[in-house]
């Protein structure tokens, strides 16, 4: 699992669903939670949290998508590639944090991914979990 730290910047809630904006090294990352700040004490602006998400949730694009429903589009650089028969592991540097992505080897070859290449990571807000320490 991927885990990166940040601070809650903003929480918007309606009934029992909240969209939470987390500041990770001056980049906003959004996630959806089935909770309301009125019911849980940890949904506070300024609170340090960790964002946890599966390597399978991290999609890779060569070009920055302009019109897409995914809110989280992060710039990153490829630092390592382990090519497999079916799946390949891509290790990326996002502002000093390491993020892993598992993609099909067919996609790896289609995108011509290589170490040092700048790419864009797409992570849907419903694929991110919040951890409070």
C-alpha atoms as a PDB file:
ATOM      1  CA  UNK A   1       0.000   0.000   0.000  1.00  0.00           C
ATOM      2  CA  UNK A   2       1.036   3.572  -0.647  1.00  0.00           C
ATOM      3  CA  UNK A   3       1.102   5.957   2.317  1.00  0.00           C
ATOM      4  CA  UNK A   4       1.776   9.684   2.199  1.00  0.00           C
ATOM      5  CA  UNK A   5       1.367  12.312   4.908  1.00  0.00           C
ATOM      6  CA  UNK A   6      -0.402  15.631   4.705  1.00  0.00           C
ATOM      7  CA  UNK A   7      -2.639  18.080   6.529  1.00  0.00           C
ATOM      8  CA  UNK A   8      -6.382  18.520   6.202  1.00  0.00           C
ATOM      9  CA  UNK A   9      -6.915  21.796   4.388  1.00  0.00           C
ATOM     10  CA  UNK A  10     -10.715  21.779   4.044  1.00  0.00           C
ATOM     11  CA  UNK A  11     -13.758  19.587   4.749  1.00  0.00           C
ATOM     12  CA  UNK A  12     -17.131  19.964   3.038  1.00  0.00           C
ATOM     13  CA  UNK A  13     -19.966  17.765   4.285  1.00  0.00           C
ATOM     14  CA  UNK A  14     -23.578  17.018   3.534  1.00  0.00           C
ATOM     15  CA  UNK A  15     -25.339  14.516   5.772  1.00  0.00           C
ATOM     16  CA  UNK A  16     -22.967  11.536   6.145  1.00  0.00           C
ATOM     17  CA  UNK A  17     -20.602  12.165   3.258  1.00  0.00           C
ATOM     18  CA  UNK A  18     -17.607  14.475   3.182  1.00  0.00           C
ATOM     19  CA  UNK A  19     -15.095  15.576   0.613  1.00  0.00           C
ATOM     20  CA  UNK A  20     -11.770  16.226   2.304  1.00  0.00           C
ATOM     21  CA  UNK A  21      -8.970  18.278   0.776  1.00  0.00           C
ATOM     22  CA  UNK A  22      -5.541  17.288   2.079  1.00  0.00           C
ATOM     23  CA  UNK A  23      -2.408  19.369   1.501  1.00  0.00           C
ATOM     24  CA  UNK A  24       0.508  17.112   0.574  1.00  0.00           C
ATOM     25  CA  UNK A  25       3.614  19.216  -0.078  1.00  0.00           C
ATOM     26  CA  UNK A  26       1.531  22.113  -1.479  1.00  0.00           C
ATOM     27  CA  UNK A  27      -0.528  19.790  -3.687  1.00  0.00           C
ATOM     28  CA  UNK A  28      -4.223  19.258  -2.967  1.00  0.00           C
ATOM     29  CA  UNK A  29      -5.388  15.656  -2.799  1.00  0.00           C
ATOM     30  CA  UNK A  30      -9.110  15.001  -2.433  1.00  0.00           C
ATOM     31  CA  UNK A  31     -10.886  12.020  -0.917  1.00  0.00           C
ATOM     32  CA  UNK A  32     -14.461  11.063  -0.172  1.00  0.00           C
ATOM     33  CA  UNK A  33     -15.431   9.779   3.261  1.00  0.00           C
ATOM     34  CA  UNK A  34     -18.689   8.369   4.513  1.00  0.00           C
ATOM     35  CA  UNK A  35     -18.375  10.430   7.677  1.00  0.00           C
ATOM     36  CA  UNK A  36     -19.285  13.883   8.920  1.00  0.00           C
ATOM     37  CA  UNK A  37     -17.090  16.196  11.059  1.00  0.00           C
ATOM     38  CA  UNK A  38     -20.004  16.516  13.475  1.00  0.00           C
ATOM     39  CA  UNK A  39     -19.718  12.781  14.233  1.00  0.00           C
ATOM     40  CA  UNK A  40     -15.935  12.288  14.218  1.00  0.00           C
ATOM     41  CA  UNK A  41     -13.406  14.539  15.912  1.00  0.00           C
ATOM     42  CA  UNK A  42     -10.482  13.906  13.560  1.00  0.00           C
ATOM     43  CA  UNK A  43     -11.950  15.705  10.524  1.00  0.00           C
ATOM     44  CA  UNK A  44     -10.471  19.086  11.454  1.00  0.00           C
ATOM     45  CA  UNK A  45      -8.610  21.588   9.320  1.00  0.00           C
ATOM     46  CA  UNK A  46      -4.896  21.513  10.107  1.00  0.00           C
ATOM     47  CA  UNK A  47      -4.947  17.901  11.344  1.00  0.00           C
ATOM     48  CA  UNK A  48      -2.017  15.745  10.217  1.00  0.00           C
ATOM     49  CA  UNK A  49      -3.202  12.613   8.434  1.00  0.00           C
ATOM     50  CA  UNK A  50      -1.893   9.852   6.214  1.00  0.00           C
ATOM     51  CA  UNK A  51      -3.447   8.969   2.888  1.00  0.00           C
ATOM     52  CA  UNK A  52      -3.417   5.278   2.035  1.00  0.00           C
ATOM     53  CA  UNK A  53      -4.150   3.825  -1.391  1.00  0.00           C
ATOM     54  CA  UNK A  54      -3.437   0.689  -3.349  1.00  0.00           C
ATOM     55  CA  UNK A  55      -0.796   0.596  -6.101  1.00  0.00           C
ATOM     56  CA  UNK A  56      -3.597  -0.726  -8.329  1.00  0.00           C
ATOM     57  CA  UNK A  57      -5.489   2.574  -7.810  1.00  0.00           C
ATOM     58  CA  UNK A  58      -2.627   4.622  -9.279  1.00  0.00           C
ATOM     59  CA  UNK A  59      -3.129   5.174 -13.011  1.00  0.00           C
ATOM     60  CA  UNK A  60      -0.374   6.638 -15.175  1.00  0.00           C
ATOM     61  CA  UNK A  61      -0.635   9.079 -18.071  1.00  0.00           C
ATOM     62  CA  UNK A  62       2.102  10.551 -20.266  1.00  0.00           C
ATOM     63  CA  UNK A  63       0.060  13.703 -20.826  1.00  0.00           C
ATOM     64  CA  UNK A  64      -1.726  15.780 -18.214  1.00  0.00           C
ATOM     65  CA  UNK A  65      -5.438  15.070 -18.578  1.00  0.00           C
ATOM     66  CA  UNK A  66      -7.480  18.258 -18.928  1.00  0.00           C
ATOM     67  CA  UNK A  67     -11.062  16.994 -18.953  1.00  0.00           C
ATOM     68  CA  UNK A  68     -11.392  14.038 -16.617  1.00  0.00           C
ATOM     69  CA  UNK A  69     -13.565  13.369 -13.587  1.00  0.00           C
ATOM     70  CA  UNK A  70     -10.629  12.310 -11.398  1.00  0.00           C
ATOM     71  CA  UNK A  71      -9.644  15.187  -9.093  1.00  0.00           C
ATOM     72  CA  UNK A  72      -6.210  13.905  -8.120  1.00  0.00           C
ATOM     73  CA  UNK A  73      -3.623  14.397 -10.865  1.00  0.00           C
ATOM     74  CA  UNK A  74      -0.065  14.410  -9.521  1.00  0.00           C
ATOM     75  CA  UNK A  75       3.252  15.101 -11.295  1.00  0.00           C
ATOM     76  CA  UNK A  76       5.816  12.372 -10.663  1.00  0.00           C
ATOM     77  CA  UNK A  77       8.999  10.878 -12.042  1.00  0.00           C
ATOM     78  CA  UNK A  78       9.664   7.199 -12.663  1.00  0.00           C
ATOM     79  CA  UNK A  79      12.534   5.912 -10.499  1.00  0.00           C
ATOM     80  CA  UNK A  80      12.248   2.139 -11.007  1.00  0.00           C
ATOM     81  CA  UNK A  81      10.468  -0.330 -13.281  1.00  0.00           C
ATOM     82  CA  UNK A  82      10.101  -4.052 -12.653  1.00  0.00           C
ATOM     83  CA  UNK A  83       8.625  -5.556 -15.782  1.00  0.00           C
ATOM     84  CA  UNK A  84       6.633  -8.758 -15.337  1.00  0.00           C
ATOM     85  CA  UNK A  85       4.919 -11.090 -17.766  1.00  0.00           C
ATOM     86  CA  UNK A  86       1.446  -9.690 -17.057  1.00  0.00           C
ATOM     87  CA  UNK A  87       1.857  -6.924 -14.465  1.00  0.00           C
ATOM     88  CA  UNK A  88       4.642  -4.425 -14.018  1.00  0.00           C
ATOM     89  CA  UNK A  89       5.598  -2.445 -10.941  1.00  0.00           C
ATOM     90  CA  UNK A  90       6.379   1.239 -11.448  1.00  0.00           C
ATOM     91  CA  UNK A  91       8.030   3.176  -8.599  1.00  0.00           C
ATOM     92  CA  UNK A  92       7.534   6.928  -8.745  1.00  0.00           C
ATOM     93  CA  UNK A  93       8.866   9.980  -6.958  1.00  0.00           C
ATOM     94  CA  UNK A  94       6.168  12.489  -6.014  1.00  0.00           C
ATOM     95  CA  UNK A  95       7.818  15.453  -4.289  1.00  0.00           C
ATOM     96  CA  UNK A  96      10.164  13.117  -2.401  1.00  0.00           C
ATOM     97  CA  UNK A  97       7.488  10.559  -1.496  1.00  0.00           C
ATOM     98  CA  UNK A  98       7.607   7.131  -3.093  1.00  0.00           C
ATOM     99  CA  UNK A  99       4.419   5.944  -4.793  1.00  0.00           C
ATOM    100  CA  UNK A 100       4.045   2.533  -6.421  1.00  0.00           C
ATOM    101  CA  UNK A 101       1.767   1.683  -9.309  1.00  0.00           C
ATOM    102  CA  UNK A 102       0.932  -1.719 -10.759  1.00  0.00           C
ATOM    103  CA  UNK A 103      -0.083  -1.616 -14.402  1.00  0.00           C
ATOM    104  CA  UNK A 104      -0.291  -4.215 -17.107  1.00  0.00           C
ATOM    105  CA  UNK A 105       2.897  -4.881 -18.993  1.00  0.00           C
ATOM    106  CA  UNK A 106       0.929  -4.167 -22.162  1.00  0.00           C
ATOM    107  CA  UNK A 107       0.296  -0.634 -20.854  1.00  0.00           C
ATOM    108  CA  UNK A 108       3.938  -0.263 -19.842  1.00  0.00           C
ATOM    109  CA  UNK A 109       5.028  -1.006 -23.400  1.00  0.00           C
ATOM    110  CA  UNK A 110       2.259   1.091 -24.975  1.00  0.00           C
ATOM    111  CA  UNK A 111       3.337   4.136 -22.948  1.00  0.00           C
ATOM    112  CA  UNK A 112       7.073   3.515 -23.501  1.00  0.00           C
ATOM    113  CA  UNK A 113       7.722   4.217 -19.843  1.00  0.00           C
ATOM    114  CA  UNK A 114      11.337   4.537 -18.724  1.00  0.00           C
ATOM    115  CA  UNK A 115      13.295   5.633 -15.661  1.00  0.00           C
ATOM    116  CA  UNK A 116      13.508   9.413 -15.298  1.00  0.00           C
ATOM    117  CA  UNK A 117      10.401  10.098 -17.368  1.00  0.00           C
ATOM    118  CA  UNK A 118       7.871  12.627 -16.025  1.00  0.00           C
ATOM    119  CA  UNK A 119       4.348  11.238 -15.865  1.00  0.00           C
ATOM    120  CA  UNK A 120       1.002  12.110 -14.315  1.00  0.00           C
ATOM    121  CA  UNK A 121      -0.611   9.951 -11.658  1.00  0.00           C
ATOM    122  CA  UNK A 122      -4.381   9.722 -11.503  1.00  0.00           C
ATOM    123  CA  UNK A 123      -5.964   8.584  -8.249  1.00  0.00           C
ATOM    124  CA  UNK A 124      -9.724   8.647  -7.798  1.00  0.00           C
ATOM    125  CA  UNK A 125     -10.937  10.233  -4.561  1.00  0.00           C
ATOM    126  CA  UNK A 126     -12.932   7.097  -3.656  1.00  0.00           C
ATOM    127  CA  UNK A 127      -9.750   4.968  -3.762  1.00  0.00           C
ATOM    128  CA  UNK A 128      -8.012   6.846  -0.933  1.00  0.00           C
ATOM    129  CA  UNK A 129      -8.370   5.975   2.756  1.00  0.00           C
ATOM    130  CA  UNK A 130      -7.608   8.337   5.629  1.00  0.00           C
ATOM    131  CA  UNK A 131      -5.485   7.309   8.583  1.00  0.00           C
ATOM    132  CA  UNK A 132      -5.189   9.412  11.718  1.00  0.00           C
ATOM    133  CA  UNK A 133      -2.352   8.733  14.143  1.00  0.00           C
END
